[in-house]
Amino acid sequence: MVVLNKIYTRTGDAGETALGNGARVAKHSARVTAYGTVDEVNATLGLARLHAEDETDAALARIQNDLFDLGADLCRPEMDKDAEADYPPLRMVPAQVERLEAEIDAMNAHLEPLRSFILPGGSALAAHLHLCRTVSRRAERLVVELAALEQVNEAAIRYLNRLSDWMFVAARMANDGGRADVLWIPGANR
């Protein structure tokens, strides 16, 4: 369980922060940038939830919890085989990715196929979900960049890739099942 008695510690005043394994790294490191952007995705989901109801709100709450799991995974570098952790690291698992896939398939079954790209917008919920989608794509790019430098749990990358797809399909559902999607008209303003 997490206990936060004091919010500020002053330990980061010199531009460093502690990872989940206790190692000190620069706040601009690839790992901190990656999990910080995952936290940003979570914050955008909090805004989207202001416009969500019932099942959609419950799904977004589950995803927010998953994003804390993902942040915990990313803030704890893969340990050397000989190193022992004080507690087992929390890692994303394939079942979390599979749940997103099943939910995407269920939502997409109610949508007509796209015949144009969609402009972000429509309902308030759809607009916020499109913002979540773009921030999750940025988080994915940063985690992939981190994976080029250090070992990263593959399920973490797969989760972020599916998450942006989930947000896209959920935004279409929030636009009256796709009927109120704002379609791109190529060259409309030439």
N, C-alpha and C. Protein backbone atom coordinates (compact mmCIF):
# COMPACT_ATOMS: atom_id res chain seq x y z
N MET A 1 0.84 -1.17 0.00
CA MET A 1 0.00 0.00 0.00
C MET A 1 0.88 1.24 0.00
N VAL A 2 0.46 2.26 -0.67
CA VAL A 2 1.17 3.52 -0.74
C VAL A 2 0.72 4.41 0.40
N VAL A 3 1.68 5.00 1.11
CA VAL A 3 1.38 5.96 2.16
C VAL A 3 2.17 7.23 1.85
N LEU A 4 1.46 8.33 1.67
CA LEU A 4 2.09 9.61 1.39
C LEU A 4 1.81 10.56 2.55
N ASN A 5 2.77 10.65 3.45
CA ASN A 5 2.61 11.55 4.58
C ASN A 5 3.02 12.97 4.24
N LYS A 6 4.01 13.09 3.37
CA LYS A 6 4.53 14.40 3.01
C LYS A 6 4.57 14.48 1.49
N ILE A 7 4.05 15.54 0.92
CA ILE A 7 3.95 15.65 -0.53
C ILE A 7 5.25 16.16 -1.14
N TYR A 8 5.88 17.11 -0.53
CA TYR A 8 7.15 17.57 -1.08
C TYR A 8 8.29 17.02 -0.23
N THR A 9 9.38 16.65 -0.91
CA THR A 9 10.52 16.06 -0.23
C THR A 9 11.82 16.83 -0.45
N ARG A 10 11.83 17.69 -1.45
CA ARG A 10 13.01 18.47 -1.84
C ARG A 10 14.11 17.60 -2.46
N THR A 11 13.87 16.29 -2.59
CA THR A 11 14.91 15.43 -3.15
C THR A 11 15.08 15.61 -4.65
N GLY A 12 14.11 16.25 -5.30
CA GLY A 12 14.20 16.47 -6.74
C GLY A 12 14.64 17.87 -7.12
N ASP A 13 15.02 18.66 -6.14
CA ASP A 13 15.37 20.05 -6.42
C ASP A 13 16.59 20.21 -7.32
N ALA A 14 17.44 19.22 -7.40
CA ALA A 14 18.63 19.29 -8.24
C ALA A 14 18.39 18.69 -9.63
N GLY A 15 17.11 18.39 -9.96
CA GLY A 15 16.80 17.89 -11.29
C GLY A 15 16.88 16.38 -11.43
N GLU A 16 16.89 15.67 -10.33
CA GLU A 16 16.88 14.22 -10.36
C GLU A 16 15.65 13.69 -9.63
N THR A 17 15.30 12.44 -9.94
CA THR A 17 14.19 11.78 -9.26
C THR A 17 14.56 10.33 -9.03
N ALA A 18 13.84 9.66 -8.16
CA ALA A 18 14.09 8.26 -7.87
C ALA A 18 13.17 7.38 -8.69
N LEU A 19 13.72 6.33 -9.26
CA LEU A 19 12.92 5.32 -9.93
C LEU A 19 12.37 4.35 -8.88
N GLY A 20 11.55 3.44 -9.32
CA GLY A 20 10.95 2.46 -8.41
C GLY A 20 11.95 1.55 -7.74
N ASN A 21 13.15 1.41 -8.32
CA ASN A 21 14.18 0.57 -7.71
C ASN A 21 15.14 1.39 -6.84
N GLY A 22 14.85 2.69 -6.67
CA GLY A 22 15.68 3.54 -5.84
C GLY A 22 16.78 4.27 -6.57
N ALA A 23 17.06 3.89 -7.81
CA ALA A 23 18.10 4.56 -8.58
C ALA A 23 17.71 6.00 -8.85
N ARG A 24 18.67 6.90 -8.80
CA ARG A 24 18.44 8.32 -9.08
C ARG A 24 18.78 8.57 -10.54
N VAL A 25 17.87 9.26 -11.24
CA VAL A 25 18.09 9.60 -12.65
C VAL A 25 17.65 11.03 -12.90
N ALA A 26 18.11 11.59 -14.01
CA ALA A 26 17.70 12.94 -14.39
C ALA A 26 16.21 12.94 -14.70
N LYS A 27 15.54 14.02 -14.32
CA LYS A 27 14.10 14.13 -14.58
C LYS A 27 13.78 14.17 -16.07
N HIS A 28 14.79 14.47 -16.91
CA HIS A 28 14.57 14.50 -18.35
C HIS A 28 14.99 13.18 -19.02
N SER A 29 15.28 12.15 -18.23
CA SER A 29 15.66 10.86 -18.81
C SER A 29 14.52 10.28 -19.63
N ALA A 30 14.86 9.41 -20.55
CA ALA A 30 13.85 8.79 -21.42
C ALA A 30 12.80 8.04 -20.61
N ARG A 31 13.22 7.39 -19.53
CA ARG A 31 12.28 6.62 -18.72
C ARG A 31 11.29 7.54 -18.01
N VAL A 32 11.78 8.60 -17.40
CA VAL A 32 10.91 9.52 -16.68
C VAL A 32 9.98 10.24 -17.66
N THR A 33 10.50 10.60 -18.83
CA THR A 33 9.67 11.24 -19.85
C THR A 33 8.55 10.30 -20.29
N ALA A 34 8.87 9.02 -20.44
CA ALA A 34 7.87 8.04 -20.88
C ALA A 34 6.77 7.87 -19.84
N TYR A 35 7.14 7.61 -18.59
CA TYR A 35 6.07 7.39 -17.61
C TYR A 35 5.38 8.69 -17.22
N GLY A 36 6.06 9.81 -17.38
CA GLY A 36 5.39 11.10 -17.16
C GLY A 36 4.31 11.36 -18.19
N THR A 37 4.56 10.92 -19.42
CA THR A 37 3.55 11.09 -20.48
C THR A 37 2.39 10.12 -20.29
N VAL A 38 2.66 8.94 -19.75
CA VAL A 38 1.57 8.02 -19.39
C VAL A 38 0.69 8.68 -18.33
N ASP A 39 1.28 9.38 -17.39
CA ASP A 39 0.52 10.11 -16.38
C ASP A 39 -0.32 11.20 -17.04
N GLU A 40 0.22 11.83 -18.07
CA GLU A 40 -0.54 12.85 -18.82
C GLU A 40 -1.76 12.23 -19.50
N VAL A 41 -1.59 11.03 -20.06
CA VAL A 41 -2.73 10.33 -20.65
C VAL A 41 -3.80 10.14 -19.59
N ASN A 42 -3.39 9.73 -18.41
CA ASN A 42 -4.33 9.48 -17.32
C ASN A 42 -5.08 10.76 -16.95
N ALA A 43 -4.37 11.89 -16.93
CA ALA A 43 -5.03 13.16 -16.62
C ALA A 43 -6.05 13.54 -17.69
N THR A 44 -5.73 13.30 -18.96
CA THR A 44 -6.70 13.61 -20.02
C THR A 44 -7.92 12.71 -19.92
N LEU A 45 -7.72 11.48 -19.46
CA LEU A 45 -8.86 10.58 -19.25
C LEU A 45 -9.76 11.09 -18.13
N GLY A 46 -9.16 11.70 -17.12
CA GLY A 46 -9.96 12.30 -16.05
C GLY A 46 -10.89 13.37 -16.59
N LEU A 47 -10.40 14.17 -17.55
CA LEU A 47 -11.25 15.17 -18.20
C LEU A 47 -12.34 14.52 -19.03
N ALA A 48 -11.99 13.49 -19.77
CA ALA A 48 -12.99 12.79 -20.58
C ALA A 48 -14.11 12.22 -19.71
N ARG A 49 -13.74 11.72 -18.55
CA ARG A 49 -14.73 11.11 -17.66
C ARG A 49 -15.78 12.10 -17.18
N LEU A 50 -15.48 13.39 -17.23
CA LEU A 50 -16.48 14.40 -16.87
C LEU A 50 -17.69 14.35 -17.80
N HIS A 51 -17.51 13.78 -18.99
CA HIS A 51 -18.56 13.72 -20.01
C HIS A 51 -19.07 12.31 -20.24
N ALA A 52 -18.51 11.33 -19.53
CA ALA A 52 -18.87 9.93 -19.74
C ALA A 52 -19.92 9.48 -18.73
N GLU A 53 -20.68 8.49 -19.14
CA GLU A 53 -21.70 7.92 -18.26
C GLU A 53 -21.58 6.40 -18.24
N ASP A 54 -22.05 5.84 -17.16
CA ASP A 54 -22.27 4.41 -17.00
C ASP A 54 -21.11 3.54 -17.48
N GLU A 55 -21.36 2.71 -18.51
CA GLU A 55 -20.36 1.75 -18.97
C GLU A 55 -19.10 2.42 -19.47
N THR A 56 -19.24 3.53 -20.18
CA THR A 56 -18.05 4.22 -20.69
C THR A 56 -17.22 4.76 -19.53
N ASP A 57 -17.87 5.35 -18.54
CA ASP A 57 -17.15 5.86 -17.38
C ASP A 57 -16.46 4.72 -16.64
N ALA A 58 -17.12 3.60 -16.49
CA ALA A 58 -16.51 2.45 -15.81
C ALA A 58 -15.30 1.94 -16.59
N ALA A 59 -15.41 1.89 -17.92
CA ALA A 59 -14.28 1.45 -18.74
C ALA A 59 -13.11 2.42 -18.62
N LEU A 60 -13.41 3.71 -18.62
CA LEU A 60 -12.34 4.71 -18.48
C LEU A 60 -11.69 4.62 -17.10
N ALA A 61 -12.47 4.32 -16.07
CA ALA A 61 -11.91 4.14 -14.73
C ALA A 61 -10.96 2.94 -14.70
N ARG A 62 -11.35 1.84 -15.36
CA ARG A 62 -10.46 0.67 -15.44
C ARG A 62 -9.17 1.04 -16.15
N ILE A 63 -9.29 1.79 -17.23
CA ILE A 63 -8.10 2.19 -18.00
C ILE A 63 -7.21 3.10 -17.15
N GLN A 64 -7.80 4.02 -16.40
CA GLN A 64 -7.00 4.88 -15.53
C GLN A 64 -6.20 4.04 -14.54
N ASN A 65 -6.82 3.02 -13.98
CA ASN A 65 -6.11 2.14 -13.05
C ASN A 65 -4.98 1.41 -13.77
N ASP A 66 -5.26 0.92 -14.98
CA ASP A 66 -4.23 0.27 -15.79
C ASP A 66 -3.06 1.21 -16.05
N LEU A 67 -3.35 2.49 -16.28
CA LEU A 67 -2.29 3.44 -16.56
C LEU A 67 -1.39 3.65 -15.33
N PHE A 68 -1.95 3.54 -14.13
CA PHE A 68 -1.09 3.58 -12.94
C PHE A 68 -0.23 2.33 -12.90
N ASP A 69 -0.80 1.17 -13.27
CA ASP A 69 0.01 -0.05 -13.37
C ASP A 69 1.14 0.15 -14.38
N LEU A 70 0.81 0.75 -15.51
CA LEU A 70 1.80 0.98 -16.56
C LEU A 70 2.90 1.92 -16.07
N GLY A 71 2.52 2.98 -15.37
CA GLY A 71 3.52 3.88 -14.80
C GLY A 71 4.42 3.17 -13.80
N ALA A 72 3.83 2.30 -12.98
CA ALA A 72 4.62 1.52 -12.02
C ALA A 72 5.58 0.60 -12.74
N ASP A 73 5.12 -0.01 -13.82
CA ASP A 73 5.97 -0.89 -14.63
C ASP A 73 7.15 -0.10 -15.20
N LEU A 74 6.86 1.05 -15.79
CA LEU A 74 7.91 1.83 -16.44
C LEU A 74 8.89 2.47 -15.44
N CYS A 75 8.43 2.79 -14.25
CA CYS A 75 9.34 3.44 -13.29
C CYS A 75 10.24 2.43 -12.59
N ARG A 76 10.01 1.16 -12.85
CA ARG A 76 10.84 0.11 -12.23
C ARG A 76 11.58 -0.64 -13.34
N PRO A 77 12.82 -0.22 -13.64
CA PRO A 77 13.56 -0.89 -14.71
C PRO A 77 13.66 -2.39 -14.48
N GLU A 78 13.79 -3.12 -15.57
CA GLU A 78 13.99 -4.56 -15.46
C GLU A 78 15.22 -4.80 -14.61
N MET A 79 15.13 -5.70 -13.65
CA MET A 79 16.23 -5.98 -12.73
C MET A 79 17.21 -6.97 -13.37
N ASP A 80 18.47 -6.88 -12.96
CA ASP A 80 19.42 -7.91 -13.33
C ASP A 80 18.94 -9.22 -12.70
N LYS A 81 19.27 -10.32 -13.35
CA LYS A 81 18.80 -11.61 -12.84
C LYS A 81 19.30 -11.87 -11.41
N ASP A 82 20.46 -11.32 -11.07
CA ASP A 82 21.03 -11.56 -9.75
C ASP A 82 20.50 -10.60 -8.69
N ALA A 83 19.92 -9.50 -9.13
CA ALA A 83 19.44 -8.50 -8.17
C ALA A 83 18.12 -8.94 -7.57
N GLU A 84 17.93 -8.60 -6.31
CA GLU A 84 16.68 -8.94 -5.64
C GLU A 84 15.94 -7.67 -5.30
N ALA A 85 14.66 -7.67 -5.56
CA ALA A 85 13.83 -6.51 -5.25
C ALA A 85 13.25 -6.67 -3.84
N ASP A 86 12.97 -5.53 -3.20
CA ASP A 86 12.32 -5.55 -1.89
C ASP A 86 10.90 -6.10 -2.01
N TYR A 87 10.30 -5.90 -3.17
CA TYR A 87 8.96 -6.41 -3.43
C TYR A 87 8.88 -6.69 -4.94
N PRO A 88 8.01 -7.59 -5.34
CA PRO A 88 7.94 -7.91 -6.78
C PRO A 88 7.46 -6.69 -7.58
N PRO A 89 8.13 -6.38 -8.67
CA PRO A 89 7.69 -5.25 -9.48
C PRO A 89 6.33 -5.52 -10.13
N LEU A 90 5.53 -4.47 -10.23
CA LEU A 90 4.23 -4.58 -10.89
C LEU A 90 4.48 -4.45 -12.39
N ARG A 91 4.05 -5.41 -13.17
CA ARG A 91 4.25 -5.40 -14.61
C ARG A 91 2.90 -5.53 -15.32
N MET A 92 2.80 -4.88 -16.46
CA MET A 92 1.62 -5.07 -17.32
C MET A 92 1.62 -6.52 -17.79
N VAL A 93 0.43 -7.07 -17.99
CA VAL A 93 0.30 -8.46 -18.42
C VAL A 93 -0.53 -8.52 -19.70
N PRO A 94 -0.34 -9.57 -20.50
CA PRO A 94 -1.10 -9.69 -21.75
C PRO A 94 -2.61 -9.60 -21.57
N ALA A 95 -3.15 -10.04 -20.44
CA ALA A 95 -4.60 -10.00 -20.23
C ALA A 95 -5.13 -8.56 -20.28
N GLN A 96 -4.32 -7.59 -19.87
CA GLN A 96 -4.76 -6.19 -19.93
C GLN A 96 -4.88 -5.73 -21.38
N VAL A 97 -3.97 -6.18 -22.22
CA VAL A 97 -4.04 -5.87 -23.66
C VAL A 97 -5.23 -6.57 -24.28
N GLU A 98 -5.41 -7.83 -23.92
CA GLU A 98 -6.52 -8.62 -24.48
C GLU A 98 -7.87 -8.03 -24.11
N ARG A 99 -8.01 -7.48 -22.89
CA ARG A 99 -9.26 -6.84 -22.50
C ARG A 99 -9.55 -5.64 -23.39
N LEU A 100 -8.53 -4.82 -23.66
CA LEU A 100 -8.73 -3.69 -24.57
C LEU A 100 -9.17 -4.17 -25.95
N GLU A 101 -8.53 -5.22 -26.45
CA GLU A 101 -8.89 -5.75 -27.77
C GLU A 101 -10.34 -6.21 -27.80
N ALA A 102 -10.77 -6.91 -26.77
CA ALA A 102 -12.15 -7.40 -26.72
C ALA A 102 -13.13 -6.23 -26.68
N GLU A 103 -12.79 -5.19 -25.91
CA GLU A 103 -13.67 -4.02 -25.84
C GLU A 103 -13.69 -3.26 -27.16
N ILE A 104 -12.55 -3.16 -27.84
CA ILE A 104 -12.51 -2.52 -29.16
C ILE A 104 -13.41 -3.28 -30.12
N ASP A 105 -13.28 -4.60 -30.14
CA ASP A 105 -14.10 -5.42 -31.05
C ASP A 105 -15.58 -5.26 -30.76
N ALA A 106 -15.94 -5.22 -29.47
CA ALA A 106 -17.36 -5.09 -29.10
C ALA A 106 -17.92 -3.73 -29.54
N MET A 107 -17.15 -2.66 -29.33
CA MET A 107 -17.61 -1.32 -29.75
C MET A 107 -17.66 -1.23 -31.26
N ASN A 108 -16.63 -1.73 -31.92
CA ASN A 108 -16.53 -1.59 -33.37
C ASN A 108 -17.63 -2.36 -34.11
N ALA A 109 -18.15 -3.40 -33.47
CA ALA A 109 -19.23 -4.19 -34.08
C ALA A 109 -20.47 -3.34 -34.32
N HIS A 110 -20.63 -2.23 -33.61
CA HIS A 110 -21.80 -1.35 -33.73
C HIS A 110 -21.58 -0.19 -34.69
N LEU A 111 -20.39 -0.10 -35.29
CA LEU A 111 -20.05 1.06 -36.13
C LEU A 111 -20.01 0.69 -37.60
N GLU A 112 -20.43 1.63 -38.42
CA GLU A 112 -20.29 1.46 -39.86
C GLU A 112 -18.81 1.65 -40.23
N PRO A 113 -18.36 0.97 -41.28
CA PRO A 113 -16.96 1.17 -41.70
C PRO A 113 -16.71 2.63 -42.11
N LEU A 114 -15.50 3.08 -41.86
CA LEU A 114 -15.13 4.45 -42.22
C LEU A 114 -14.90 4.58 -43.72
N ARG A 115 -15.32 5.71 -44.27
CA ARG A 115 -15.09 6.01 -45.69
C ARG A 115 -14.27 7.29 -45.83
N SER A 116 -13.86 7.86 -44.68
CA SER A 116 -13.05 9.07 -44.65
C SER A 116 -12.33 9.12 -43.31
N PHE A 117 -11.27 9.91 -43.24
CA PHE A 117 -10.66 10.16 -41.94
C PHE A 117 -11.61 11.04 -41.12
N ILE A 118 -11.44 10.99 -39.81
CA ILE A 118 -12.30 11.74 -38.90
C ILE A 118 -11.51 12.89 -38.30
N LEU A 119 -12.14 14.06 -38.28
CA LEU A 119 -11.55 15.19 -37.58
C LEU A 119 -11.88 15.04 -36.10
N PRO A 120 -10.93 15.31 -35.22
CA PRO A 120 -11.23 15.22 -33.79
C PRO A 120 -12.33 16.20 -33.41
N GLY A 121 -13.36 15.71 -32.79
CA GLY A 121 -14.45 16.58 -32.39
C GLY A 121 -15.76 15.84 -32.32
N GLY A 122 -16.82 16.59 -32.48
CA GLY A 122 -18.16 16.03 -32.33
C GLY A 122 -18.67 16.35 -30.94
N SER A 123 -19.04 15.33 -30.20
CA SER A 123 -19.53 15.55 -28.84
C SER A 123 -18.35 15.90 -27.93
N ALA A 124 -18.68 16.43 -26.75
CA ALA A 124 -17.62 16.76 -25.78
C ALA A 124 -16.82 15.52 -25.40
N LEU A 125 -17.49 14.40 -25.18
CA LEU A 125 -16.78 13.17 -24.84
C LEU A 125 -15.88 12.74 -25.98
N ALA A 126 -16.40 12.76 -27.21
CA ALA A 126 -15.58 12.35 -28.35
C ALA A 126 -14.35 13.23 -28.50
N ALA A 127 -14.51 14.54 -28.35
CA ALA A 127 -13.38 15.45 -28.48
C ALA A 127 -12.31 15.14 -27.43
N HIS A 128 -12.75 14.88 -26.19
CA HIS A 128 -11.79 14.55 -25.14
C HIS A 128 -11.13 13.20 -25.40
N LEU A 129 -11.87 12.24 -25.90
CA LEU A 129 -11.28 10.94 -26.22
C LEU A 129 -10.26 11.05 -27.34
N HIS A 130 -10.51 11.92 -28.31
CA HIS A 130 -9.52 12.14 -29.37
C HIS A 130 -8.24 12.75 -28.79
N LEU A 131 -8.38 13.65 -27.82
CA LEU A 131 -7.20 14.19 -27.15
C LEU A 131 -6.46 13.07 -26.42
N CYS A 132 -7.20 12.23 -25.72
CA CYS A 132 -6.59 11.07 -25.05
C CYS A 132 -5.85 10.19 -26.05
N ARG A 133 -6.46 9.99 -27.21
CA ARG A 133 -5.85 9.16 -28.25
C ARG A 133 -4.50 9.73 -28.68
N THR A 134 -4.44 11.03 -28.93
CA THR A 134 -3.19 11.61 -29.42
C THR A 134 -2.11 11.63 -28.34
N VAL A 135 -2.51 11.86 -27.09
CA VAL A 135 -1.52 11.83 -26.01
C VAL A 135 -1.03 10.40 -25.79
N SER A 136 -1.92 9.41 -25.93
CA SER A 136 -1.48 8.02 -25.76
C SER A 136 -0.56 7.61 -26.89
N ARG A 137 -0.76 8.14 -28.10
CA ARG A 137 0.18 7.86 -29.20
C ARG A 137 1.56 8.44 -28.89
N ARG A 138 1.57 9.66 -28.31
CA ARG A 138 2.86 10.25 -27.93
C ARG A 138 3.53 9.41 -26.86
N ALA A 139 2.77 8.96 -25.87
CA ALA A 139 3.33 8.10 -24.83
C ALA A 139 3.89 6.82 -25.44
N GLU A 140 3.17 6.25 -26.39
CA GLU A 140 3.65 5.03 -27.05
C GLU A 140 4.99 5.30 -27.75
N ARG A 141 5.08 6.42 -28.48
CA ARG A 141 6.34 6.73 -29.17
C ARG A 141 7.49 6.85 -28.17
N LEU A 142 7.22 7.48 -27.04
CA LEU A 142 8.27 7.66 -26.03
C LEU A 142 8.66 6.33 -25.37
N VAL A 143 7.71 5.45 -25.16
CA VAL A 143 8.03 4.14 -24.59
C VAL A 143 8.81 3.30 -25.60
N VAL A 144 8.45 3.39 -26.87
CA VAL A 144 9.21 2.68 -27.91
C VAL A 144 10.64 3.23 -27.99
N GLU A 145 10.77 4.56 -27.86
CA GLU A 145 12.10 5.17 -27.85
C GLU A 145 12.89 4.67 -26.64
N LEU A 146 12.26 4.58 -25.48
CA LEU A 146 12.91 4.04 -24.29
C LEU A 146 13.34 2.59 -24.53
N ALA A 147 12.49 1.81 -25.18
CA ALA A 147 12.79 0.40 -25.44
C ALA A 147 14.00 0.24 -26.37
N ALA A 148 14.30 1.26 -27.16
CA ALA A 148 15.50 1.21 -28.00
C ALA A 148 16.77 1.41 -27.17
N LEU A 149 16.61 1.96 -25.97
CA LEU A 149 17.75 2.26 -25.09
C LEU A 149 17.88 1.25 -23.95
N GLU A 150 16.75 0.81 -23.43
CA GLU A 150 16.72 -0.06 -22.25
C GLU A 150 15.63 -1.10 -22.44
N GLN A 151 15.70 -2.14 -21.63
CA GLN A 151 14.67 -3.19 -21.71
C GLN A 151 13.36 -2.65 -21.17
N VAL A 152 12.26 -2.91 -21.92
CA VAL A 152 10.92 -2.49 -21.53
C VAL A 152 9.99 -3.69 -21.72
N ASN A 153 9.07 -3.85 -20.82
CA ASN A 153 8.07 -4.90 -20.89
C ASN A 153 7.27 -4.76 -22.20
N GLU A 154 7.27 -5.79 -23.00
CA GLU A 154 6.55 -5.77 -24.28
C GLU A 154 5.06 -5.51 -24.11
N ALA A 155 4.47 -6.02 -23.04
CA ALA A 155 3.04 -5.80 -22.80
C ALA A 155 2.74 -4.32 -22.59
N ALA A 156 3.69 -3.56 -22.06
CA ALA A 156 3.49 -2.13 -21.87
C ALA A 156 3.36 -1.42 -23.21
N ILE A 157 4.20 -1.78 -24.14
CA ILE A 157 4.15 -1.18 -25.49
C ILE A 157 2.85 -1.58 -26.18
N ARG A 158 2.52 -2.85 -26.12
CA ARG A 158 1.29 -3.33 -26.77
C ARG A 158 0.05 -2.66 -26.17
N TYR A 159 0.05 -2.46 -24.85
CA TYR A 159 -1.09 -1.82 -24.20
C TYR A 159 -1.29 -0.40 -24.74
N LEU A 160 -0.22 0.37 -24.82
CA LEU A 160 -0.35 1.73 -25.33
C LEU A 160 -0.79 1.76 -26.79
N ASN A 161 -0.32 0.80 -27.57
CA ASN A 161 -0.74 0.74 -28.97
C ASN A 161 -2.24 0.46 -29.07
N ARG A 162 -2.75 -0.46 -28.28
CA ARG A 162 -4.18 -0.76 -28.29
C ARG A 162 -4.99 0.37 -27.68
N LEU A 163 -4.41 1.06 -26.68
CA LEU A 163 -5.15 2.11 -26.00
C LEU A 163 -5.57 3.22 -26.96
N SER A 164 -4.68 3.64 -27.82
CA SER A 164 -5.05 4.71 -28.76
C SER A 164 -6.14 4.22 -29.71
N ASP A 165 -6.09 2.95 -30.09
CA ASP A 165 -7.17 2.38 -30.92
C ASP A 165 -8.49 2.37 -30.15
N TRP A 166 -8.41 2.01 -28.88
CA TRP A 166 -9.61 2.00 -28.02
C TRP A 166 -10.23 3.39 -27.98
N MET A 167 -9.39 4.40 -27.78
CA MET A 167 -9.88 5.78 -27.70
C MET A 167 -10.54 6.21 -29.01
N PHE A 168 -9.96 5.81 -30.13
CA PHE A 168 -10.53 6.17 -31.43
C PHE A 168 -11.93 5.58 -31.59
N VAL A 169 -12.05 4.29 -31.30
CA VAL A 169 -13.35 3.62 -31.45
C VAL A 169 -14.35 4.16 -30.43
N ALA A 170 -13.90 4.40 -29.21
CA ALA A 170 -14.79 4.96 -28.19
C ALA A 170 -15.27 6.36 -28.57
N ALA A 171 -14.39 7.15 -29.21
CA ALA A 171 -14.80 8.49 -29.67
C ALA A 171 -15.89 8.37 -30.73
N ARG A 172 -15.77 7.39 -31.61
CA ARG A 172 -16.82 7.18 -32.62
C ARG A 172 -18.13 6.80 -31.94
N MET A 173 -18.05 5.94 -30.94
CA MET A 173 -19.26 5.55 -30.20
C MET A 173 -19.88 6.77 -29.54
N ALA A 174 -19.04 7.65 -29.00
CA ALA A 174 -19.54 8.86 -28.33
C ALA A 174 -20.15 9.85 -29.30
N ASN A 175 -19.87 9.69 -30.59
CA ASN A 175 -20.48 10.52 -31.63
C ASN A 175 -21.67 9.79 -32.24
N ASP A 176 -22.60 9.41 -31.38
CA ASP A 176 -23.84 8.75 -31.82
C ASP A 176 -23.53 7.53 -32.68
N GLY A 177 -22.64 6.70 -32.16
CA GLY A 177 -22.30 5.47 -32.89
C GLY A 177 -21.66 5.75 -34.24
N GLY A 178 -20.95 6.85 -34.36
CA GLY A 178 -20.27 7.22 -35.60
C GLY A 178 -21.09 8.10 -36.52
N ARG A 179 -22.40 8.21 -36.27
CA ARG A 179 -23.26 9.00 -37.14
C ARG A 179 -22.97 10.49 -37.06
N ALA A 180 -22.40 10.95 -35.94
CA ALA A 180 -22.08 12.37 -35.78
C ALA A 180 -20.58 12.64 -35.89
N ASP A 181 -19.83 11.67 -36.43
CA ASP A 181 -18.41 11.90 -36.65
C ASP A 181 -18.22 13.09 -37.58
N VAL A 182 -17.18 13.85 -37.34
CA VAL A 182 -16.84 14.99 -38.20
C VAL A 182 -15.83 14.47 -39.23
N LEU A 183 -16.27 14.39 -40.48
CA LEU A 183 -15.42 13.78 -41.51
C LEU A 183 -14.51 14.80 -42.17
N TRP A 184 -13.31 14.35 -42.49
CA TRP A 184 -12.36 15.15 -43.24
C TRP A 184 -12.80 15.20 -44.70
N ILE A 185 -12.79 16.39 -45.28
CA ILE A 185 -13.09 16.57 -46.70
C ILE A 185 -11.80 17.06 -47.35
N PRO A 186 -11.06 16.18 -48.02
CA PRO A 186 -9.77 16.57 -48.59
C PRO A 186 -9.90 17.77 -49.53
N GLY A 187 -9.05 18.77 -49.31
CA GLY A 187 -9.01 19.94 -50.18
C GLY A 187 -10.22 20.84 -50.09
N ALA A 188 -11.04 20.73 -49.07
CA ALA A 188 -12.29 21.48 -48.98
C ALA A 188 -12.10 23.01 -48.95
N ASN A 189 -10.96 23.45 -48.48
CA ASN A 189 -10.77 24.89 -48.30
C ASN A 189 -9.71 25.48 -49.23
N ARG A 190 -9.48 24.84 -50.35
CA ARG A 190 -8.49 25.38 -51.29
C ARG A 190 -9.00 26.63 -51.96
